[in-house]
N, C-alpha and C. Protein backbone atom coordinates (compact mmCIF):
# COMPACT_ATOMS: atom_id res chain seq x y z
N MET A 1 4.35 1.10 18.28
CA MET A 1 5.31 1.12 17.16
C MET A 1 5.20 2.44 16.34
N GLY A 2 3.93 2.73 15.78
CA GLY A 2 3.75 3.98 15.12
C GLY A 2 4.26 3.87 13.66
N LEU A 3 4.68 5.03 13.23
CA LEU A 3 5.10 5.07 11.93
C LEU A 3 6.50 4.43 11.64
N ALA A 4 6.58 3.66 10.59
CA ALA A 4 7.64 2.86 10.39
C ALA A 4 8.74 3.79 9.97
N THR A 5 10.02 3.61 10.37
CA THR A 5 11.11 4.53 10.26
C THR A 5 11.49 4.74 8.76
N SER A 6 11.37 3.62 7.71
CA SER A 6 11.67 3.68 6.29
C SER A 6 10.60 4.67 5.65
N LEU A 7 9.36 4.53 6.18
CA LEU A 7 8.28 5.17 5.60
C LEU A 7 8.47 6.74 5.94
N GLN A 8 8.62 6.89 7.09
CA GLN A 8 8.92 8.20 7.74
C GLN A 8 10.04 9.10 7.02
N ARG A 9 11.32 8.32 6.84
CA ARG A 9 12.34 8.94 6.19
C ARG A 9 11.95 9.24 4.75
N TYR A 10 11.32 8.43 4.03
CA TYR A 10 10.89 8.66 2.63
C TYR A 10 9.96 9.75 2.54
N LEU A 11 9.00 9.87 3.47
CA LEU A 11 8.01 11.01 3.40
C LEU A 11 8.65 12.27 3.48
N HIS A 12 9.70 12.27 4.62
CA HIS A 12 10.48 13.55 4.87
C HIS A 12 11.28 13.86 3.59
N SER A 13 12.00 13.03 3.13
CA SER A 13 12.97 13.10 1.92
C SER A 13 12.29 13.72 0.83
N ARG A 14 11.02 13.33 0.72
CA ARG A 14 10.14 13.89 -0.63
C ARG A 14 9.35 15.16 -0.22
N ALA A 15 9.60 15.64 0.96
CA ALA A 15 8.95 16.78 1.49
C ALA A 15 7.45 16.61 1.52
N VAL A 16 6.87 15.51 1.87
CA VAL A 16 5.49 15.22 1.75
C VAL A 16 4.95 15.46 3.11
N GLY A 17 3.89 16.39 3.20
CA GLY A 17 3.13 16.63 4.54
C GLY A 17 2.16 15.53 4.73
N TYR A 18 2.13 15.11 5.96
CA TYR A 18 1.14 14.10 6.26
C TYR A 18 0.44 14.31 7.69
N ASP A 19 -0.64 13.71 7.95
CA ASP A 19 -1.09 13.62 9.25
C ASP A 19 -1.17 12.19 9.73
N VAL A 20 -0.91 11.98 10.92
CA VAL A 20 -0.96 10.56 11.56
C VAL A 20 -2.22 10.53 12.35
N ILE A 21 -2.92 9.50 12.17
CA ILE A 21 -4.15 9.10 12.98
C ILE A 21 -3.99 7.85 13.68
N THR A 22 -4.25 7.81 14.88
CA THR A 22 -4.13 6.48 15.68
C THR A 22 -5.55 6.11 15.85
N HIS A 23 -5.63 4.75 16.00
CA HIS A 23 -6.86 4.04 16.18
C HIS A 23 -6.75 2.82 16.87
N ASP A 24 -7.79 2.03 17.39
CA ASP A 24 -7.82 0.88 17.93
C ASP A 24 -7.24 -0.10 16.86
N PRO A 25 -6.49 -1.16 17.34
CA PRO A 25 -5.81 -2.05 16.35
C PRO A 25 -6.96 -2.84 15.54
N THR A 26 -6.68 -2.87 14.30
CA THR A 26 -7.50 -3.68 13.13
C THR A 26 -6.65 -4.84 12.70
N LYS A 27 -7.55 -5.67 12.10
CA LYS A 27 -6.85 -6.85 11.42
C LYS A 27 -6.91 -6.81 9.88
N THR A 28 -7.85 -5.95 9.37
CA THR A 28 -7.84 -5.91 7.98
C THR A 28 -7.97 -4.37 7.56
N SER A 29 -7.66 -4.11 6.20
CA SER A 29 -7.61 -2.69 5.82
C SER A 29 -9.25 -2.32 5.75
N LEU A 30 -10.07 -3.13 5.47
CA LEU A 30 -11.58 -2.70 5.37
C LEU A 30 -11.85 -2.29 6.87
N ALA A 31 -11.56 -3.06 7.81
CA ALA A 31 -11.76 -2.70 9.32
C ALA A 31 -11.06 -1.47 9.59
N THR A 32 -9.84 -1.10 9.13
CA THR A 32 -9.21 0.14 9.38
C THR A 32 -10.07 1.26 8.79
N ALA A 33 -10.48 1.03 7.70
CA ALA A 33 -11.27 2.11 6.94
C ALA A 33 -12.60 2.44 7.77
N HIS A 34 -13.22 1.35 8.30
CA HIS A 34 -14.51 1.34 8.97
C HIS A 34 -14.44 2.09 10.30
N ILE A 35 -13.28 1.74 10.93
CA ILE A 35 -13.04 2.32 12.31
C ILE A 35 -12.80 3.67 12.31
N ASN A 36 -12.20 4.29 11.21
CA ASN A 36 -11.87 5.53 10.88
C ASN A 36 -12.77 6.40 10.08
N SER A 37 -13.90 5.83 9.62
CA SER A 37 -14.96 6.40 8.94
C SER A 37 -14.32 6.89 7.70
N ILE A 38 -13.65 6.20 7.04
CA ILE A 38 -12.96 6.67 5.74
C ILE A 38 -13.45 5.81 4.64
N PRO A 39 -13.74 6.37 3.48
CA PRO A 39 -14.39 5.54 2.36
C PRO A 39 -13.32 4.45 2.06
N GLU A 40 -13.70 3.25 1.86
CA GLU A 40 -12.76 2.07 1.59
C GLU A 40 -11.92 2.43 0.27
N ALA A 41 -12.62 3.12 -0.72
CA ALA A 41 -11.77 3.43 -1.89
C ALA A 41 -10.54 4.46 -1.65
N ASN A 42 -10.75 5.10 -0.49
CA ASN A 42 -9.57 6.21 -0.17
C ASN A 42 -8.38 5.57 0.60
N LEU A 43 -8.61 4.28 1.07
CA LEU A 43 -7.60 3.64 1.89
C LEU A 43 -6.84 2.81 1.00
N ALA A 44 -5.46 3.13 0.73
CA ALA A 44 -4.66 2.35 -0.04
C ALA A 44 -3.92 1.25 0.77
N LYS A 45 -3.71 0.06 0.17
CA LYS A 45 -3.08 -1.04 0.80
C LYS A 45 -1.99 -1.48 -0.11
N GLY A 46 -1.05 -2.01 0.32
CA GLY A 46 0.12 -2.78 -0.40
C GLY A 46 -0.05 -4.32 -0.15
N VAL A 47 0.06 -4.86 -1.41
CA VAL A 47 0.11 -6.38 -1.45
C VAL A 47 1.53 -6.68 -2.08
N LEU A 48 2.37 -7.54 -1.38
CA LEU A 48 3.72 -7.89 -1.89
C LEU A 48 3.43 -9.10 -2.89
N ILE A 49 3.75 -9.07 -3.87
CA ILE A 49 3.75 -10.07 -5.11
C ILE A 49 5.12 -10.77 -5.23
N SER A 50 5.23 -12.02 -5.22
CA SER A 50 6.39 -12.69 -5.60
C SER A 50 6.39 -12.91 -7.21
N ARG A 51 7.69 -12.71 -7.77
CA ARG A 51 7.82 -12.96 -9.18
C ARG A 51 9.25 -13.47 -9.40
N LYS A 52 9.43 -13.97 -10.60
CA LYS A 52 10.70 -14.82 -10.91
C LYS A 52 11.98 -14.02 -10.59
N ASP A 53 11.96 -12.72 -10.69
CA ASP A 53 13.20 -11.74 -10.31
C ASP A 53 12.89 -11.05 -9.11
N GLY A 54 12.10 -11.28 -8.22
CA GLY A 54 12.05 -10.56 -6.92
C GLY A 54 10.52 -10.36 -6.47
N TYR A 55 10.33 -9.14 -6.21
CA TYR A 55 8.99 -8.76 -5.64
C TYR A 55 8.58 -7.62 -6.41
N LEU A 56 7.15 -7.50 -6.29
CA LEU A 56 6.54 -6.06 -6.85
C LEU A 56 5.43 -5.80 -5.84
N LEU A 57 5.30 -4.54 -5.56
CA LEU A 57 4.27 -4.13 -4.75
C LEU A 57 3.12 -3.80 -5.45
N ALA A 58 2.02 -4.30 -5.31
CA ALA A 58 0.76 -3.93 -5.81
C ALA A 58 0.00 -2.87 -4.80
N ILE A 59 -0.42 -1.75 -5.46
CA ILE A 59 -1.08 -0.74 -4.47
C ILE A 59 -2.46 -0.68 -5.03
N VAL A 60 -3.27 -1.01 -4.03
CA VAL A 60 -4.77 -1.02 -4.47
C VAL A 60 -5.59 -0.37 -3.36
N PRO A 61 -6.78 -0.03 -3.76
CA PRO A 61 -7.81 0.45 -2.68
C PRO A 61 -8.12 -0.78 -1.66
N ALA A 62 -8.53 -0.36 -0.47
CA ALA A 62 -8.89 -1.36 0.52
C ALA A 62 -10.00 -2.17 0.10
N SER A 63 -11.09 -1.54 -0.79
CA SER A 63 -12.17 -2.17 -1.24
C SER A 63 -11.99 -3.18 -2.39
N CYS A 64 -10.70 -3.52 -2.66
CA CYS A 64 -10.45 -4.24 -3.77
C CYS A 64 -9.61 -5.45 -3.33
N GLU A 65 -9.36 -6.50 -4.20
CA GLU A 65 -8.48 -7.59 -3.95
C GLU A 65 -7.50 -7.48 -5.33
N VAL A 66 -6.29 -7.79 -5.09
CA VAL A 66 -5.38 -7.93 -6.15
C VAL A 66 -5.80 -9.09 -7.09
N GLN A 67 -5.79 -8.98 -8.36
CA GLN A 67 -6.03 -10.20 -9.38
C GLN A 67 -4.70 -10.57 -9.87
N LEU A 68 -4.18 -11.65 -9.17
CA LEU A 68 -2.94 -12.29 -9.49
C LEU A 68 -2.77 -12.48 -11.00
N ASN A 69 -3.89 -13.01 -11.68
CA ASN A 69 -3.66 -13.28 -12.97
C ASN A 69 -3.53 -12.06 -13.86
N GLU A 70 -4.26 -10.83 -13.44
CA GLU A 70 -4.14 -9.65 -14.13
C GLU A 70 -2.53 -9.10 -13.89
N VAL A 71 -2.07 -9.24 -12.79
CA VAL A 71 -0.63 -8.73 -12.48
C VAL A 71 0.34 -9.55 -13.42
N GLY A 72 0.11 -10.97 -13.40
CA GLY A 72 0.92 -11.78 -14.33
C GLY A 72 0.78 -11.37 -15.82
N ARG A 73 -0.29 -11.25 -16.14
CA ARG A 73 -0.67 -10.79 -17.48
C ARG A 73 0.09 -9.31 -17.80
N TRP A 74 0.04 -8.52 -16.96
CA TRP A 74 0.72 -7.21 -17.15
C TRP A 74 2.31 -7.39 -17.17
N LEU A 75 2.74 -8.22 -16.22
CA LEU A 75 4.19 -8.55 -16.15
C LEU A 75 4.61 -9.58 -17.17
N LYS A 76 3.72 -10.23 -17.83
CA LYS A 76 4.07 -11.19 -18.73
C LYS A 76 4.94 -12.38 -18.04
N GLN A 77 4.56 -12.80 -16.96
CA GLN A 77 5.18 -13.73 -16.21
C GLN A 77 4.23 -14.35 -15.03
N PRO A 78 4.45 -15.65 -14.56
CA PRO A 78 3.70 -16.01 -13.56
C PRO A 78 4.06 -15.41 -12.17
N VAL A 79 2.85 -15.14 -11.33
CA VAL A 79 3.29 -14.40 -10.03
C VAL A 79 2.55 -15.14 -8.91
N GLY A 80 2.66 -14.73 -7.67
CA GLY A 80 2.06 -15.22 -6.55
C GLY A 80 2.04 -14.42 -5.37
N LEU A 81 1.40 -14.75 -4.37
CA LEU A 81 1.47 -13.68 -3.12
C LEU A 81 2.82 -14.15 -2.51
N ALA A 82 3.40 -13.10 -1.92
CA ALA A 82 4.61 -13.45 -1.14
C ALA A 82 4.18 -13.98 0.10
N THR A 83 5.14 -14.96 0.70
CA THR A 83 4.84 -15.49 2.07
C THR A 83 4.83 -14.63 3.19
N GLU A 84 4.27 -14.91 4.29
CA GLU A 84 4.34 -14.06 5.54
C GLU A 84 5.77 -13.85 5.74
N GLU A 85 6.67 -14.74 5.66
CA GLU A 85 8.17 -14.61 6.09
C GLU A 85 8.68 -13.51 5.04
N GLU A 86 8.42 -13.60 3.85
CA GLU A 86 8.98 -12.62 2.78
C GLU A 86 8.44 -11.31 3.03
N VAL A 87 7.15 -11.17 3.51
CA VAL A 87 6.55 -9.82 3.66
C VAL A 87 7.33 -9.31 5.02
N ALA A 88 7.58 -10.15 5.92
CA ALA A 88 8.32 -9.71 7.22
C ALA A 88 9.67 -9.33 7.03
N ALA A 89 10.39 -9.96 6.10
CA ALA A 89 11.71 -9.65 5.78
C ALA A 89 11.79 -8.27 4.94
N THR A 90 10.86 -8.15 4.18
CA THR A 90 10.85 -6.97 3.26
C THR A 90 10.63 -5.63 3.82
N PHE A 91 9.40 -5.99 4.85
CA PHE A 91 9.01 -4.74 5.72
C PHE A 91 9.39 -4.98 7.13
N ALA A 92 10.57 -5.05 7.35
CA ALA A 92 11.39 -5.45 8.55
C ALA A 92 10.82 -4.48 9.80
N ASP A 93 10.73 -3.15 9.49
CA ASP A 93 10.35 -2.19 10.44
C ASP A 93 8.82 -1.84 10.54
N CYS A 94 8.01 -2.97 10.12
CA CYS A 94 6.65 -3.01 10.34
C CYS A 94 6.18 -4.15 11.14
N GLU A 95 4.94 -4.09 11.67
CA GLU A 95 4.31 -5.11 12.37
C GLU A 95 4.03 -6.08 11.45
N SER A 96 3.81 -7.52 11.82
CA SER A 96 3.47 -8.48 10.94
C SER A 96 2.21 -8.15 10.11
N GLY A 97 2.05 -8.26 8.79
CA GLY A 97 1.06 -8.18 8.06
C GLY A 97 0.76 -6.75 7.57
N CYS A 98 1.70 -5.79 8.10
CA CYS A 98 1.53 -4.49 7.62
C CYS A 98 2.29 -4.11 6.50
N VAL A 99 1.68 -3.74 5.35
CA VAL A 99 2.49 -3.38 4.11
C VAL A 99 2.18 -1.91 3.68
N PRO A 100 3.05 -0.99 3.97
CA PRO A 100 2.55 0.49 3.57
C PRO A 100 2.68 0.34 2.18
N PRO A 101 1.90 1.11 1.41
CA PRO A 101 1.72 1.03 -0.10
C PRO A 101 2.67 2.15 -0.67
N VAL A 102 3.81 2.36 -0.14
CA VAL A 102 4.85 3.33 -0.79
C VAL A 102 6.09 2.65 -1.03
N ALA A 103 6.07 2.17 -2.22
CA ALA A 103 7.25 1.20 -2.70
C ALA A 103 8.56 1.88 -2.60
N GLY A 104 8.66 3.14 -2.97
CA GLY A 104 9.83 3.72 -2.74
C GLY A 104 10.60 3.66 -1.50
N ALA A 105 9.76 3.72 -0.45
CA ALA A 105 10.35 3.71 0.95
C ALA A 105 11.14 2.21 1.16
N TYR A 106 10.67 1.34 0.35
CA TYR A 106 11.52 0.01 0.62
C TYR A 106 12.31 -0.58 -0.71
N GLY A 107 12.42 0.42 -1.65
CA GLY A 107 13.30 0.10 -2.88
C GLY A 107 12.57 -1.07 -3.57
N LEU A 108 11.20 -1.09 -3.69
CA LEU A 108 10.48 -1.84 -4.52
C LEU A 108 9.84 -1.37 -5.71
N PRO A 109 9.82 -2.12 -6.84
CA PRO A 109 9.11 -1.89 -8.10
C PRO A 109 7.60 -1.98 -7.64
N ALA A 110 6.64 -1.29 -8.39
CA ALA A 110 5.22 -1.41 -8.11
C ALA A 110 4.41 -1.21 -9.22
N VAL A 111 3.20 -1.68 -9.05
CA VAL A 111 2.16 -1.18 -9.93
C VAL A 111 0.92 -0.69 -9.02
N MET A 112 0.27 0.41 -9.46
CA MET A 112 -0.81 0.92 -8.77
C MET A 112 -2.18 0.83 -9.60
N ASP A 113 -3.24 0.37 -8.92
CA ASP A 113 -4.46 0.24 -9.54
C ASP A 113 -5.03 1.62 -9.91
N ASP A 114 -5.57 1.66 -11.00
CA ASP A 114 -6.23 2.76 -11.58
C ASP A 114 -7.17 3.40 -10.69
N ARG A 115 -7.89 2.55 -9.82
CA ARG A 115 -8.95 3.16 -8.94
C ARG A 115 -8.56 4.23 -7.98
N LEU A 116 -7.15 4.24 -7.89
CA LEU A 116 -6.60 5.24 -6.75
C LEU A 116 -6.27 6.65 -7.43
N GLU A 117 -6.72 6.77 -8.72
CA GLU A 117 -6.52 7.97 -9.42
C GLU A 117 -7.63 9.07 -9.08
N GLY A 118 -7.28 10.36 -9.09
CA GLY A 118 -8.12 11.43 -8.88
C GLY A 118 -8.79 11.63 -7.45
N LEU A 119 -8.38 11.02 -6.37
CA LEU A 119 -8.97 11.11 -5.06
C LEU A 119 -8.28 12.24 -4.45
N ALA A 120 -9.03 12.98 -3.70
CA ALA A 120 -8.58 14.18 -2.97
C ALA A 120 -7.67 13.80 -1.67
N ASP A 121 -8.12 12.67 -1.07
CA ASP A 121 -7.44 12.22 0.03
C ASP A 121 -7.04 10.72 -0.04
N ILE A 122 -5.92 10.39 0.46
CA ILE A 122 -5.63 8.95 0.45
C ILE A 122 -5.00 8.61 1.94
N TYR A 123 -5.37 7.54 2.44
CA TYR A 123 -4.87 7.02 3.69
C TYR A 123 -4.16 5.70 3.46
N PHE A 124 -3.31 5.46 4.43
CA PHE A 124 -2.62 3.99 4.35
C PHE A 124 -2.04 3.78 5.77
N GLU A 125 -1.82 2.32 6.06
CA GLU A 125 -1.36 2.01 7.20
C GLU A 125 0.18 2.42 7.38
N GLY A 126 0.58 3.01 8.42
CA GLY A 126 1.94 3.49 8.59
C GLY A 126 3.03 2.64 9.00
N GLY A 127 2.73 1.46 9.33
CA GLY A 127 3.82 0.53 9.87
C GLY A 127 3.24 -0.33 10.94
N ASP A 128 2.12 -0.17 11.33
CA ASP A 128 1.49 -1.00 12.32
C ASP A 128 0.01 -1.02 12.12
N HIS A 129 -0.90 -1.67 12.84
CA HIS A 129 -2.18 -1.83 12.73
C HIS A 129 -2.91 -0.93 13.55
N ARG A 130 -2.33 0.21 14.00
CA ARG A 130 -2.97 1.32 14.82
C ARG A 130 -2.71 2.58 14.37
N THR A 131 -1.72 2.68 13.37
CA THR A 131 -1.31 3.99 12.88
C THR A 131 -1.85 4.15 11.28
N LEU A 132 -2.41 5.21 10.92
CA LEU A 132 -2.95 5.63 9.75
C LEU A 132 -2.31 6.90 9.28
N VAL A 133 -1.76 7.02 8.05
CA VAL A 133 -1.33 8.12 7.45
C VAL A 133 -2.15 8.72 6.56
N HIS A 134 -2.41 9.99 6.43
CA HIS A 134 -3.21 10.83 5.81
C HIS A 134 -2.34 11.73 4.99
N VAL A 135 -2.62 11.65 3.50
CA VAL A 135 -1.90 12.48 2.61
C VAL A 135 -2.78 13.05 1.60
N THR A 136 -2.74 14.10 0.94
CA THR A 136 -3.62 14.61 -0.12
C THR A 136 -3.34 13.54 -1.15
N GLY A 137 -4.35 13.48 -2.13
CA GLY A 137 -4.26 12.74 -3.34
C GLY A 137 -3.14 13.19 -4.23
N ARG A 138 -2.88 14.51 -4.24
CA ARG A 138 -1.78 15.06 -4.98
C ARG A 138 -0.35 14.65 -4.56
N ASP A 139 -0.27 14.62 -3.09
CA ASP A 139 1.00 14.34 -2.50
C ASP A 139 1.28 12.63 -2.73
N PHE A 140 0.13 11.91 -2.62
CA PHE A 140 0.31 10.45 -2.85
C PHE A 140 0.75 10.32 -4.32
N HIS A 141 0.33 10.82 -5.28
CA HIS A 141 0.67 10.66 -6.67
C HIS A 141 2.09 11.27 -6.80
N ARG A 142 2.45 12.15 -6.01
CA ARG A 142 3.81 12.59 -6.11
C ARG A 142 4.73 11.35 -5.59
N LEU A 143 4.30 10.93 -4.50
CA LEU A 143 5.05 9.71 -3.97
C LEU A 143 5.28 8.53 -4.91
N THR A 144 4.15 8.39 -5.76
CA THR A 144 4.12 7.14 -6.73
C THR A 144 4.26 7.60 -8.07
N ALA A 145 4.86 8.88 -8.38
CA ALA A 145 5.03 9.36 -9.70
C ALA A 145 5.61 8.38 -10.83
N ASN A 146 6.54 7.66 -10.33
CA ASN A 146 7.21 6.73 -11.26
C ASN A 146 6.57 5.29 -11.36
N VAL A 147 5.46 5.10 -10.64
CA VAL A 147 4.83 3.76 -10.50
C VAL A 147 3.87 3.81 -11.75
N PRO A 148 4.01 2.64 -12.47
CA PRO A 148 2.90 2.48 -13.64
C PRO A 148 1.62 2.16 -13.01
N HIS A 149 0.62 2.39 -13.78
CA HIS A 149 -0.79 2.13 -13.47
C HIS A 149 -1.30 1.04 -14.29
N ALA A 150 -2.16 0.17 -13.75
CA ALA A 150 -2.77 -0.82 -14.46
C ALA A 150 -4.13 -1.31 -13.73
N ALA A 151 -5.05 -1.79 -14.47
CA ALA A 151 -6.16 -2.47 -13.83
C ALA A 151 -5.75 -3.84 -13.14
N VAL A 152 -5.27 -3.85 -11.91
CA VAL A 152 -4.95 -5.16 -11.36
C VAL A 152 -5.63 -5.60 -10.08
N ALA A 153 -6.78 -5.06 -9.94
CA ALA A 153 -7.85 -5.39 -8.73
C ALA A 153 -9.09 -5.26 -9.11
N ASN A 154 -10.03 -6.10 -8.38
CA ASN A 154 -11.32 -5.98 -8.57
C ASN A 154 -12.10 -5.65 -7.06
N PRO A 155 -13.28 -5.20 -7.17
CA PRO A 155 -13.85 -4.90 -5.89
C PRO A 155 -14.05 -6.26 -5.15
N SER A 156 -13.78 -6.14 -3.89
CA SER A 156 -13.87 -7.51 -3.08
C SER A 156 -15.27 -7.73 -2.65
N HIS A 157 -16.21 -6.87 -2.77
CA HIS A 157 -17.55 -7.38 -2.34
C HIS A 157 -18.50 -6.91 -3.50
């Protein structure tokens, strides 16, 4: 499958340079970081959150888990994880369970965890569980320039 069409178009429309790294299939973002010898904190993952008026993409490091109570407090409304079916419909050009953390490519509002600030390099899944995208931290922040930041995740281990 490779790079998702929506993501590829968005990166090109924003004139963001990127590298594509292919690897053996993985089932989790932590496994993706490990197989590629990337620090877990530098691998961004997207988590689709369901809320009363649609969806929100939480963008967090692979080393962290989204704290739904913090997202709900930040939004001032109850939230939950989107179902697998909702994720598949929203990210229709991606493999099941793959959620690129670039909300603009999918027309989604988002929130980004503060831990992704100040990193020189950011990596993320590109649409399947075998394709990793590498961008500079500067370009990632350009892609997410209009995304508010909040402390919405905690380390998972």
